[in-house]
């Protein structure tokens, strides 16, 4: 084994046990993932908690978790989320006014 490698691996193992939660929305996103038993998509729930406010989403997740007839809680949560938070209407970008010509090479005549 390379000298120092064991110390490095030990340090990595120690740091892995520490919490990596630094913001409120990260904690709420992880709580939503745990509530829905969907830890696989925890980064999605963290992002949603950041964008929409975690308290309201956590309340919605608890309502979904209470329903025993739901097989895929994550998918049902997303369906309920779309109904609660409609997506903003995006406008199409305007078409260019005129056709652009390709850039012409400068002549090197002297």
PDB file of N, CA and C in Angstrom:
ATOM      1  N   UNK A   1       0.840  -1.176   0.000  1.00  0.00           N
ATOM      2  CA  UNK A   1       0.000   0.000   0.000  1.00  0.00           C
ATOM      3  C   UNK A   1       0.887   1.243   0.000  1.00  0.00           C
ATOM      4  N   UNK A   2       0.475   2.260  -0.678  1.00  0.00           N
ATOM      5  CA  UNK A   2       1.228   3.507  -0.773  1.00  0.00           C
ATOM      6  C   UNK A   2       1.161   4.229   0.570  1.00  0.00           C
ATOM      7  N   UNK A   3       2.297   4.771   1.052  1.00  0.00           N
ATOM      8  CA  UNK A   3       2.269   5.505   2.323  1.00  0.00           C
ATOM      9  C   UNK A   3       1.318   6.693   2.220  1.00  0.00           C
ATOM     10  N   UNK A   4       0.543   6.891   3.246  1.00  0.00           N
ATOM     11  CA  UNK A   4      -0.410   7.998   3.264  1.00  0.00           C
ATOM     12  C   UNK A   4      -1.767   7.639   2.695  1.00  0.00           C
ATOM     13  N   UNK A   5      -1.833   6.558   1.932  1.00  0.00           N
ATOM     14  CA  UNK A   5      -3.098   6.153   1.325  1.00  0.00           C
ATOM     15  C   UNK A   5      -4.082   5.689   2.393  1.00  0.00           C
ATOM     16  N   UNK A   6      -3.576   4.974   3.399  1.00  0.00           N
ATOM     17  CA  UNK A   6      -4.447   4.495   4.479  1.00  0.00           C
ATOM     18  C   UNK A   6      -5.019   5.674   5.260  1.00  0.00           C
ATOM     19  N   UNK A   7      -4.196   6.681   5.504  1.00  0.00           N
ATOM     20  CA  UNK A   7      -4.675   7.867   6.221  1.00  0.00           C
ATOM     21  C   UNK A   7      -5.722   8.608   5.392  1.00  0.00           C
ATOM     22  N   UNK A   8      -5.500   8.662   4.086  1.00  0.00           N
ATOM     23  CA  UNK A   8      -6.444   9.325   3.184  1.00  0.00           C
ATOM     24  C   UNK A   8      -7.783   8.589   3.182  1.00  0.00           C
ATOM     25  N   UNK A   9      -7.745   7.266   3.086  1.00  0.00           N
ATOM     26  CA  UNK A   9      -8.981   6.476   3.091  1.00  0.00           C
ATOM     27  C   UNK A   9      -9.709   6.592   4.431  1.00  0.00           C
ATOM     28  N   UNK A  10      -8.953   6.653   5.509  1.00  0.00           N
ATOM     29  CA  UNK A  10      -9.551   6.824   6.830  1.00  0.00           C
ATOM     30  C   UNK A  10     -10.250   8.177   6.927  1.00  0.00           C
ATOM     31  N   UNK A  11      -9.599   9.206   6.393  1.00  0.00           N
ATOM     32  CA  UNK A  11     -10.185  10.554   6.394  1.00  0.00           C
ATOM     33  C   UNK A  11     -11.460  10.607   5.545  1.00  0.00           C
ATOM     34  N   UNK A  12     -11.453   9.943   4.400  1.00  0.00           N
ATOM     35  CA  UNK A  12     -12.654   9.888   3.568  1.00  0.00           C
ATOM     36  C   UNK A  12     -13.802   9.182   4.284  1.00  0.00           C
ATOM     37  N   UNK A  13     -13.489   8.096   4.974  1.00  0.00           N
ATOM     38  CA  UNK A  13     -14.517   7.359   5.709  1.00  0.00           C
ATOM     39  C   UNK A  13     -15.100   8.216   6.831  1.00  0.00           C
ATOM     40  N   UNK A  14     -14.239   9.000   7.500  1.00  0.00           N
ATOM     41  CA  UNK A  14     -14.722   9.876   8.571  1.00  0.00           C
ATOM     42  C   UNK A  14     -15.618  10.975   8.015  1.00  0.00           C
ATOM     43  N   UNK A  15     -15.204  11.578   6.909  1.00  0.00           N
ATOM     44  CA  UNK A  15     -15.990  12.670   6.327  1.00  0.00           C
ATOM     45  C   UNK A  15     -17.320  12.187   5.766  1.00  0.00           C
ATOM     46  N   UNK A  16     -17.381  10.941   5.310  1.00  0.00           N
ATOM     47  CA  UNK A  16     -18.623  10.399   4.756  1.00  0.00           C
ATOM     48  C   UNK A  16     -19.698  10.277   5.824  1.00  0.00           C
ATOM     49  N   UNK A  17     -19.298  10.136   7.072  1.00  0.00           N
ATOM     50  CA  UNK A  17     -20.263  10.002   8.166  1.00  0.00           C
ATOM     51  C   UNK A  17     -20.852  11.332   8.587  1.00  0.00           C
ATOM     52  N   UNK A  18     -20.207  12.441   8.209  1.00  0.00           N
ATOM     53  CA  UNK A  18     -20.692  13.763   8.590  1.00  0.00           C
ATOM     54  C   UNK A  18     -21.874  14.173   7.715  1.00  0.00           C
ATOM     55  N   UNK A  19     -22.681  15.053   8.231  1.00  0.00           N
ATOM     56  CA  UNK A  19     -23.830  15.557   7.491  1.00  0.00           C
ATOM     57  C   UNK A  19     -23.376  16.537   6.414  1.00  0.00           C
ATOM     58  N   UNK A  20     -24.015  16.464   5.275  1.00  0.00           N
ATOM     59  CA  UNK A  20     -23.721  17.376   4.178  1.00  0.00           C
ATOM     60  C   UNK A  20     -24.901  18.316   3.936  1.00  0.00           C
ATOM     61  N   UNK A  21     -25.688  18.533   4.935  1.00  0.00           N
ATOM     62  CA  UNK A  21     -26.850  19.409   4.829  1.00  0.00           C
ATOM     63  C   UNK A  21     -26.467  20.765   5.396  1.00  0.00           C
ATOM     64  N   UNK A  22     -26.562  21.780   4.550  1.00  0.00           N
ATOM     65  CA  UNK A  22     -26.157  23.109   4.967  1.00  0.00           C
ATOM     66  C   UNK A  22     -27.305  24.115   4.939  1.00  0.00           C
ATOM     67  N   UNK A  23     -28.381  23.815   4.240  1.00  0.00           N
ATOM     68  CA  UNK A  23     -29.500  24.745   4.089  1.00  0.00           C
ATOM     69  C   UNK A  23     -30.801  24.078   4.513  1.00  0.00           C
ATOM     70  N   UNK A  24     -31.767  24.899   4.842  1.00  0.00           N
ATOM     71  CA  UNK A  24     -33.085  24.419   5.290  1.00  0.00           C
ATOM     72  C   UNK A  24     -33.771  23.603   4.187  1.00  0.00           C
ATOM     73  N   UNK A  25     -33.699  24.085   2.949  1.00  0.00           N
ATOM     74  CA  UNK A  25     -34.383  23.395   1.860  1.00  0.00           C
ATOM     75  C   UNK A  25     -33.777  22.014   1.600  1.00  0.00           C
ATOM     76  N   UNK A  26     -32.486  21.835   1.894  1.00  0.00           N
ATOM     77  CA  UNK A  26     -31.880  20.515   1.731  1.00  0.00           C
ATOM     78  C   UNK A  26     -32.472  19.517   2.716  1.00  0.00           C
ATOM     79  N   UNK A  27     -32.648  19.958   3.945  1.00  0.00           N
ATOM     80  CA  UNK A  27     -33.238  19.097   4.962  1.00  0.00           C
ATOM     81  C   UNK A  27     -34.681  18.754   4.607  1.00  0.00           C
ATOM     82  N   UNK A  28     -35.449  19.750   4.162  1.00  0.00           N
ATOM     83  CA  UNK A  28     -36.840  19.501   3.801  1.00  0.00           C
ATOM     84  C   UNK A  28     -36.945  18.569   2.599  1.00  0.00           C
ATOM     85  N   UNK A  29     -36.052  18.725   1.626  1.00  0.00           N
ATOM     86  CA  UNK A  29     -36.050  17.828   0.473  1.00  0.00           C
ATOM     87  C   UNK A  29     -35.766  16.395   0.866  1.00  0.00           C
ATOM     88  N   UNK A  30     -34.838  16.207   1.794  1.00  0.00           N
ATOM     89  CA  UNK A  30     -34.544  14.851   2.274  1.00  0.00           C
ATOM     90  C   UNK A  30     -35.701  14.278   3.083  1.00  0.00           C
ATOM     91  N   UNK A  31     -36.392  15.116   3.843  1.00  0.00           N
ATOM     92  CA  UNK A  31     -37.561  14.655   4.590  1.00  0.00           C
ATOM     93  C   UNK A  31     -38.671  14.228   3.637  1.00  0.00           C
ATOM     94  N   UNK A  32     -38.850  14.975   2.553  1.00  0.00           N
ATOM     95  CA  UNK A  32     -39.861  14.610   1.558  1.00  0.00           C
ATOM     96  C   UNK A  32     -39.512  13.261   0.936  1.00  0.00           C
ATOM     97  N   UNK A  33     -38.247  13.058   0.572  1.00  0.00           N
ATOM     98  CA  UNK A  33     -37.813  11.789  -0.016  1.00  0.00           C
ATOM     99  C   UNK A  33     -38.039  10.629   0.948  1.00  0.00           C
ATOM    100  N   UNK A  34     -37.756  10.849   2.227  1.00  0.00           N
ATOM    101  CA  UNK A  34     -37.962   9.804   3.228  1.00  0.00           C
ATOM    102  C   UNK A  34     -39.447   9.523   3.430  1.00  0.00           C
ATOM    103  N   UNK A  35     -40.244  10.574   3.476  1.00  0.00           N
ATOM    104  CA  UNK A  35     -41.685  10.423   3.666  1.00  0.00           C
ATOM    105  C   UNK A  35     -42.307   9.624   2.527  1.00  0.00           C
ATOM    106  N   UNK A  36     -41.840   9.874   1.307  1.00  0.00           N
ATOM    107  CA  UNK A  36     -42.385   9.175   0.139  1.00  0.00           C
ATOM    108  C   UNK A  36     -41.698   7.839  -0.125  1.00  0.00           C
ATOM    109  N   UNK A  37     -40.712   7.485   0.692  1.00  0.00           N
ATOM    110  CA  UNK A  37     -39.900   6.269   0.503  1.00  0.00           C
ATOM    111  C   UNK A  37     -39.288   6.260  -0.890  1.00  0.00           C
ATOM    112  N   UNK A  38     -38.731   7.402  -1.289  1.00  0.00           N
ATOM    113  CA  UNK A  38     -38.178   7.571  -2.629  1.00  0.00           C
ATOM    114  C   UNK A  38     -36.817   8.266  -2.529  1.00  0.00           C
ATOM    115  N   UNK A  39     -35.873   7.644  -1.818  1.00  0.00           N
ATOM    116  CA  UNK A  39     -34.560   8.236  -1.629  1.00  0.00           C
ATOM    117  C   UNK A  39     -33.777   8.313  -2.938  1.00  0.00           C
ATOM    118  N   UNK A  40     -34.182   7.548  -3.912  1.00  0.00           N
ATOM    119  CA  UNK A  40     -33.499   7.551  -5.203  1.00  0.00           C
ATOM    120  C   UNK A  40     -33.582   8.923  -5.876  1.00  0.00           C
ATOM    121  N   UNK A  41     -34.664   9.660  -5.640  1.00  0.00           N
ATOM    122  CA  UNK A  41     -34.868  10.960  -6.279  1.00  0.00           C
ATOM    123  C   UNK A  41     -34.733  12.118  -5.287  1.00  0.00           C
ATOM    124  N   UNK A  42     -33.877  11.953  -4.291  1.00  0.00           N
ATOM    125  CA  UNK A  42     -33.756  12.978  -3.259  1.00  0.00           C
ATOM    126  C   UNK A  42     -33.273  14.314  -3.803  1.00  0.00           C
ATOM    127  N   UNK A  43     -32.416  14.307  -4.817  1.00  0.00           N
ATOM    128  CA  UNK A  43     -31.949  15.577  -5.375  1.00  0.00           C
ATOM    129  C   UNK A  43     -33.089  16.340  -6.042  1.00  0.00           C
ATOM    130  N   UNK A  44     -34.033  15.637  -6.637  1.00  0.00           N
ATOM    131  CA  UNK A  44     -35.213  16.285  -7.218  1.00  0.00           C
ATOM    132  C   UNK A  44     -36.033  16.967  -6.139  1.00  0.00           C
ATOM    133  N   UNK A  45     -36.230  16.295  -5.021  1.00  0.00           N
ATOM    134  CA  UNK A  45     -37.032  16.868  -3.942  1.00  0.00           C
ATOM    135  C   UNK A  45     -36.321  18.058  -3.287  1.00  0.00           C
ATOM    136  N   UNK A  46     -35.000  18.006  -3.232  1.00  0.00           N
ATOM    137  CA  UNK A  46     -34.245  19.154  -2.709  1.00  0.00           C
ATOM    138  C   UNK A  46     -34.419  20.348  -3.636  1.00  0.00           C
ATOM    139  N   UNK A  47     -34.353  20.107  -4.928  1.00  0.00           N
ATOM    140  CA  UNK A  47     -34.537  21.188  -5.902  1.00  0.00           C
ATOM    141  C   UNK A  47     -35.942  21.775  -5.804  1.00  0.00           C
ATOM    142  N   UNK A  48     -36.940  20.922  -5.686  1.00  0.00           N
ATOM    143  CA  UNK A  48     -38.319  21.404  -5.569  1.00  0.00           C
ATOM    144  C   UNK A  48     -38.516  22.193  -4.282  1.00  0.00           C
ATOM    145  N   UNK A  49     -37.902  21.737  -3.196  1.00  0.00           N
ATOM    146  CA  UNK A  49     -38.014  22.459  -1.927  1.00  0.00           C
ATOM    147  C   UNK A  49     -37.367  23.830  -2.032  1.00  0.00           C
ATOM    148  N   UNK A  50     -36.308  23.926  -2.783  1.00  0.00           N
ATOM    149  CA  UNK A  50     -35.636  25.215  -2.968  1.00  0.00           C
ATOM    150  C   UNK A  50     -36.501  26.156  -3.801  1.00  0.00           C
ATOM    151  N   UNK A  51     -37.125  25.648  -4.838  1.00  0.00           N
ATOM    152  CA  UNK A  51     -37.905  26.482  -5.748  1.00  0.00           C
ATOM    153  C   UNK A  51     -39.282  26.857  -5.210  1.00  0.00           C
ATOM    154  N   UNK A  52     -39.949  25.920  -4.536  1.00  0.00           N
ATOM    155  CA  UNK A  52     -41.351  26.122  -4.158  1.00  0.00           C
ATOM    156  C   UNK A  52     -41.593  26.295  -2.673  1.00  0.00           C
ATOM    157  N   UNK A  53     -40.575  26.169  -1.863  1.00  0.00           N
ATOM    158  CA  UNK A  53     -40.790  26.247  -0.423  1.00  0.00           C
ATOM    159  C   UNK A  53     -41.114  24.872   0.124  1.00  0.00           C
ATOM    160  N   UNK A  54     -40.300  24.406   1.020  1.00  0.00           N
ATOM    161  CA  UNK A  54     -40.378  23.024   1.469  1.00  0.00           C
ATOM    162  C   UNK A  54     -41.548  22.676   2.363  1.00  0.00           C
ATOM    163  N   UNK A  55     -42.019  23.622   3.167  1.00  0.00           N
ATOM    164  CA  UNK A  55     -43.086  23.303   4.123  1.00  0.00           C
ATOM    165  C   UNK A  55     -44.354  22.836   3.415  1.00  0.00           C
ATOM    166  N   UNK A  56     -44.712  23.548   2.371  1.00  0.00           N
ATOM    167  CA  UNK A  56     -45.931  23.202   1.633  1.00  0.00           C
ATOM    168  C   UNK A  56     -45.766  21.852   0.932  1.00  0.00           C
ATOM    169  N   UNK A  57     -44.584  21.610   0.393  1.00  0.00           N
ATOM    170  CA  UNK A  57     -44.318  20.330  -0.276  1.00  0.00           C
ATOM    171  C   UNK A  57     -44.288  19.176   0.723  1.00  0.00           C
ATOM    172  N   UNK A  58     -43.745  19.422   1.906  1.00  0.00           N
ATOM    173  CA  UNK A  58     -43.706  18.382   2.927  1.00  0.00           C
ATOM    174  C   UNK A  58     -45.115  18.003   3.367  1.00  0.00           C
ATOM    175  N   UNK A  59     -45.969  18.999   3.480  1.00  0.00           N
ATOM    176  CA  UNK A  59     -47.369  18.742   3.831  1.00  0.00           C
ATOM    177  C   UNK A  59     -48.037  17.889   2.748  1.00  0.00           C
ATOM    178  N   UNK A  60     -47.781  18.215   1.484  1.00  0.00           N
ATOM    179  CA  UNK A  60     -48.326  17.438   0.369  1.00  0.00           C
ATOM    180  C   UNK A  60     -47.770  16.018   0.373  1.00  0.00           C
ATOM    181  N   UNK A  61     -46.487  15.867   0.673  1.00  0.00           N
ATOM    182  CA  UNK A  61     -45.874  14.534   0.720  1.00  0.00           C
ATOM    183  C   UNK A  61     -46.487  13.681   1.830  1.00  0.00           C
ATOM    184  N   UNK A  62     -46.784  14.296   2.968  1.00  0.00           N
ATOM    185  CA  UNK A  62     -47.406  13.544   4.063  1.00  0.00           C
ATOM    186  C   UNK A  62     -48.810  13.101   3.692  1.00  0.00           C
ATOM    187  N   UNK A  63     -49.541  13.944   2.956  1.00  0.00           N
ATOM    188  CA  UNK A  63     -50.878  13.551   2.493  1.00  0.00           C
ATOM    189  C   UNK A  63     -50.786  12.361   1.540  1.00  0.00           C
ATOM    190  N   UNK A  64     -49.805  12.376   0.647  1.00  0.00           N
ATOM    191  CA  UNK A  64     -49.618  11.276  -0.302  1.00  0.00           C
ATOM    192  C   UNK A  64     -49.218  10.009   0.437  1.00  0.00           C
ATOM    193  N   UNK A  65     -48.343  10.122   1.434  1.00  0.00           N
ATOM    194  CA  UNK A  65     -47.876   8.956   2.181  1.00  0.00           C
ATOM    195  C   UNK A  65     -48.994   8.299   2.985  1.00  0.00           C
ATOM    196  N   UNK A  66     -49.979   9.084   3.389  1.00  0.00           N
ATOM    197  CA  UNK A  66     -51.091   8.528   4.160  1.00  0.00           C
ATOM    198  C   UNK A  66     -52.019   7.670   3.309  1.00  0.00           C
ATOM    199  N   UNK A  67     -52.020   7.866   2.024  1.00  0.00           N
ATOM    200  CA  UNK A  67     -52.886   7.086   1.131  1.00  0.00           C
ATOM    201  C   UNK A  67     -52.280   5.705   0.922  1.00  0.00           C
ATOM    202  N   UNK A  68     -52.966   4.701   1.373  1.00  0.00           N
ATOM    203  CA  UNK A  68     -52.445   3.329   1.315  1.00  0.00           C
ATOM    204  C   UNK A  68     -52.613   2.704  -0.068  1.00  0.00           C
ATOM    205  N   UNK A  69     -53.522   3.217  -0.891  1.00  0.00           N
ATOM    206  CA  UNK A  69     -53.786   2.623  -2.193  1.00  0.00           C
ATOM    207  C   UNK A  69     -52.802   3.075  -3.272  1.00  0.00           C
ATOM    208  N   UNK A  70     -51.897   3.991  -2.953  1.00  0.00           N
ATOM    209  CA  UNK A  70     -50.934   4.503  -3.922  1.00  0.00           C
ATOM    210  C   UNK A  70     -49.712   3.589  -3.942  1.00  0.00           C
ATOM    211  N   UNK A  71     -49.393   3.064  -5.132  1.00  0.00           N
ATOM    212  CA  UNK A  71     -48.247   2.170  -5.254  1.00  0.00           C
ATOM    213  C   UNK A  71     -46.951   2.941  -5.468  1.00  0.00           C
ATOM    214  N   UNK A  72     -46.982   3.934  -6.335  1.00  0.00           N
ATOM    215  CA  UNK A  72     -45.795   4.728  -6.631  1.00  0.00           C
ATOM    216  C   UNK A  72     -46.002   6.125  -6.055  1.00  0.00           C
ATOM    217  N   UNK A  73     -45.568   6.319  -4.838  1.00  0.00           N
ATOM    218  CA  UNK A  73     -45.826   7.574  -4.133  1.00  0.00           C
ATOM    219  C   UNK A  73     -45.125   8.760  -4.786  1.00  0.00           C
ATOM    220  N   UNK A  74     -43.930   8.548  -5.300  1.00  0.00           N
ATOM    221  CA  UNK A  74     -43.193   9.626  -5.942  1.00  0.00           C
ATOM    222  C   UNK A  74     -43.920  10.157  -7.169  1.00  0.00           C
ATOM    223  N   UNK A  75     -44.423   9.260  -7.995  1.00  0.00           N
ATOM    224  CA  UNK A  75     -45.147   9.668  -9.201  1.00  0.00           C
ATOM    225  C   UNK A  75     -46.455  10.362  -8.832  1.00  0.00           C
ATOM    226  N   UNK A  76     -47.142   9.836  -7.837  1.00  0.00           N
ATOM    227  CA  UNK A  76     -48.401  10.457  -7.413  1.00  0.00           C
ATOM    228  C   UNK A  76     -48.135  11.840  -6.816  1.00  0.00           C
ATOM    229  N   UNK A  77     -47.044  11.970  -6.079  1.00  0.00           N
ATOM    230  CA  UNK A  77     -46.666  13.267  -5.517  1.00  0.00           C
ATOM    231  C   UNK A  77     -46.423  14.277  -6.631  1.00  0.00           C
ATOM    232  N   UNK A  78     -45.718  13.867  -7.674  1.00  0.00           N
ATOM    233  CA  UNK A  78     -45.441  14.781  -8.779  1.00  0.00           C
ATOM    234  C   UNK A  78     -46.721  15.177  -9.509  1.00  0.00           C
ATOM    235  N   UNK A  79     -47.663  14.265  -9.630  1.00  0.00           N
ATOM    236  CA  UNK A  79     -48.951  14.588 -10.246  1.00  0.00           C
ATOM    237  C   UNK A  79     -49.699  15.612  -9.406  1.00  0.00           C
ATOM    238  N   UNK A  80     -49.709  15.407  -8.095  1.00  0.00           N
ATOM    239  CA  UNK A  80     -50.376  16.357  -7.204  1.00  0.00           C
ATOM    240  C   UNK A  80     -49.642  17.698  -7.207  1.00  0.00           C
ATOM    241  N   UNK A  81     -48.338  17.661  -7.340  1.00  0.00           N
ATOM    242  CA  UNK A  81     -47.543  18.884  -7.369  1.00  0.00           C
ATOM    243  C   UNK A  81     -47.864  19.715  -8.605  1.00  0.00           C
ATOM    244  N   UNK A  82     -48.005  19.059  -9.746  1.00  0.00           N
ATOM    245  CA  UNK A  82     -48.344  19.770 -10.975  1.00  0.00           C
ATOM    246  C   UNK A  82     -49.713  20.425 -10.874  1.00  0.00           C
ATOM    247  N   UNK A  83     -50.626  19.776 -10.180  1.00  0.00           N
ATOM    248  CA  UNK A  83     -51.954  20.364  -9.998  1.00  0.00           C
ATOM    249  C   UNK A  83     -51.898  21.558  -9.045  1.00  0.00           C
ATOM    250  N   UNK A  84     -51.021  21.503  -8.054  1.00  0.00           N
ATOM    251  CA  UNK A  84     -50.907  22.576  -7.072  1.00  0.00           C
ATOM    252  C   UNK A  84     -50.111  23.767  -7.586  1.00  0.00           C
ATOM    253  N   UNK A  85     -49.048  23.488  -8.333  1.00  0.00           N
ATOM    254  CA  UNK A  85     -48.175  24.538  -8.855  1.00  0.00           C
ATOM    255  C   UNK A  85     -48.172  24.446 -10.377  1.00  0.00           C
ATOM    256  N   UNK A  86     -49.062  25.136 -11.049  1.00  0.00           N
ATOM    257  CA  UNK A  86     -49.055  25.058 -12.519  1.00  0.00           C
ATOM    258  C   UNK A  86     -47.765  25.631 -13.087  1.00  0.00           C
ATOM    259  N   UNK A  87     -47.307  25.040 -14.167  1.00  0.00           N
ATOM    260  CA  UNK A  87     -46.050  25.473 -14.789  1.00  0.00           C
ATOM    261  C   UNK A  87     -46.241  26.843 -15.428  1.00  0.00           C
ATOM    262  N   UNK A  88     -45.237  27.687 -15.380  1.00  0.00           N
ATOM    263  CA  UNK A  88     -45.344  28.996 -16.028  1.00  0.00           C
ATOM    264  C   UNK A  88     -45.411  28.839 -17.537  1.00  0.00           C
ATOM    265  N   UNK A  89     -46.121  29.736 -18.174  1.00  0.00           N
ATOM    266  CA  UNK A  89     -46.244  29.706 -19.621  1.00  0.00           C
ATOM    267  C   UNK A  89     -44.983  30.313 -20.215  1.00  0.00           C
ATOM    268  N   UNK A  90     -44.349  29.560 -21.078  1.00  0.00           N
ATOM    269  CA  UNK A  90     -43.119  30.041 -21.709  1.00  0.00           C
ATOM    270  C   UNK A  90     -43.442  30.522 -23.109  1.00  0.00           C
ATOM    271  N   UNK A  91     -42.949  31.685 -23.438  1.00  0.00           N
ATOM    272  CA  UNK A  91     -43.154  32.230 -24.770  1.00  0.00           C
ATOM    273  C   UNK A  91     -42.065  31.709 -25.690  1.00  0.00           C
ATOM    274  N   UNK A  92     -42.447  31.509 -26.965  1.00  0.00           N
ATOM    275  CA  UNK A  92     -41.468  31.081 -27.947  1.00  0.00           C
ATOM    276  C   UNK A  92     -40.553  32.256 -28.259  1.00  0.00           C
ATOM    277  N   UNK A  93     -39.293  31.999 -28.509  1.00  0.00           N
ATOM    278  CA  UNK A  93     -38.407  33.117 -28.869  1.00  0.00           C
ATOM    279  C   UNK A  93     -38.812  33.691 -30.208  1.00  0.00           C
ATOM    280  N   UNK A  94     -38.636  34.983 -30.360  1.00  0.00           N
ATOM    281  CA  UNK A  94     -39.000  35.654 -31.594  1.00  0.00           C
ATOM    282  C   UNK A  94     -38.089  35.198 -32.727  1.00  0.00           C
ATOM    283  N   UNK A  95     -38.678  35.095 -33.921  1.00  0.00           N
ATOM    284  CA  UNK A  95     -37.898  34.707 -35.091  1.00  0.00           C
ATOM    285  C   UNK A  95     -36.988  35.864 -35.484  1.00  0.00           C
ATOM    286  N   UNK A  96     -35.813  35.564 -36.015  1.00  0.00           N
ATOM    287  CA  UNK A  96     -34.919  36.650 -36.423  1.00  0.00           C
ATOM    288  C   UNK A  96     -35.548  37.484 -37.531  1.00  0.00           C
ATOM    289  N   UNK A  97     -35.252  38.780 -37.533  1.00  0.00           N
ATOM    290  CA  UNK A  97     -35.861  39.704 -38.484  1.00  0.00           C
ATOM    291  C   UNK A  97     -35.412  39.416 -39.906  1.00  0.00           C
ATOM    292  N   UNK A  98     -34.161  39.203 -40.114  1.00  0.00           N
ATOM    293  CA  UNK A  98     -33.653  38.941 -41.460  1.00  0.00           C
ATOM    294  C   UNK A  98     -32.733  37.757 -41.454  1.00  0.00           C
ATOM    295  N   UNK A  99     -32.563  37.189 -42.611  1.00  0.00           N
ATOM    296  CA  UNK A  99     -31.687  36.037 -42.699  1.00  0.00           C
ATOM    297  C   UNK A  99     -30.239  36.501 -42.582  1.00  0.00           C
ATOM    298  N   UNK A 100     -29.511  35.877 -41.741  1.00  0.00           N
ATOM    299  CA  UNK A 100     -28.106  36.234 -41.557  1.00  0.00           C
ATOM    300  C   UNK A 100     -27.263  35.536 -42.610  1.00  0.00           C
ATOM    301  N   UNK A 101     -26.294  36.252 -43.091  1.00  0.00           N
ATOM    302  CA  UNK A 101     -25.381  35.659 -44.068  1.00  0.00           C
ATOM    303  C   UNK A 101     -24.153  35.158 -43.331  1.00  0.00           C
ATOM    304  N   UNK A 102     -23.526  34.122 -43.866  1.00  0.00           N
ATOM    305  CA  UNK A 102     -22.319  33.641 -43.197  1.00  0.00           C
ATOM    306  C   UNK A 102     -21.227  34.694 -43.267  1.00  0.00           C
ATOM    307  N   UNK A 103     -20.375  34.666 -42.305  1.00  0.00           N
ATOM    308  CA  UNK A 103     -19.294  35.645 -42.230  1.00  0.00           C
ATOM    309  C   UNK A 103     -18.343  35.451 -43.406  1.00  0.00           C
ATOM    310  N   UNK A 104     -18.095  36.534 -44.097  1.00  0.00           N
ATOM    311  CA  UNK A 104     -17.230  36.446 -45.266  1.00  0.00           C
ATOM    312  C   UNK A 104     -15.779  36.623 -44.848  1.00  0.00           C
ATOM    313  N   UNK A 105     -14.908  35.907 -45.530  1.00  0.00           N
ATOM    314  CA  UNK A 105     -13.482  36.016 -45.238  1.00  0.00           C
ATOM    315  C   UNK A 105     -12.939  37.314 -45.821  1.00  0.00           C
ATOM    316  N   UNK A 106     -12.033  37.910 -45.077  1.00  0.00           N
ATOM    317  CA  UNK A 106     -11.397  39.127 -45.554  1.00  0.00           C
ATOM    318  C   UNK A 106     -10.348  38.759 -46.604  1.00  0.00           C
ATOM    319  N   UNK A 107     -10.263  39.591 -47.584  1.00  0.00           N
ATOM    320  CA  UNK A 107      -9.256  39.328 -48.614  1.00  0.00           C
ATOM    321  C   UNK A 107      -7.907  39.810 -48.109  1.00  0.00           C
ATOM    322  N   UNK A 108      -6.880  39.126 -48.475  1.00  0.00           N
ATOM    323  CA  UNK A 108      -5.536  39.476 -48.041  1.00  0.00           C
ATOM    324  C   UNK A 108      -4.768  40.190 -49.138  1.00  0.00           C
ATOM    325  N   UNK A 109      -5.456  40.909 -49.982  1.00  0.00           N
ATOM    326  CA  UNK A 109      -4.783  41.636 -51.078  1.00  0.00           C
ATOM    327  C   UNK A 109      -4.026  42.826 -50.542  1.00  0.00           C
ATOM    328  N   UNK A 110      -2.857  43.048 -51.097  1.00  0.00           N
ATOM    329  CA  UNK A 110      -2.050  44.161 -50.640  1.00  0.00           C
ATOM    330  C   UNK A 110      -2.004  45.252 -51.644  1.00  0.00           C
TER     331      UNK A 110
END
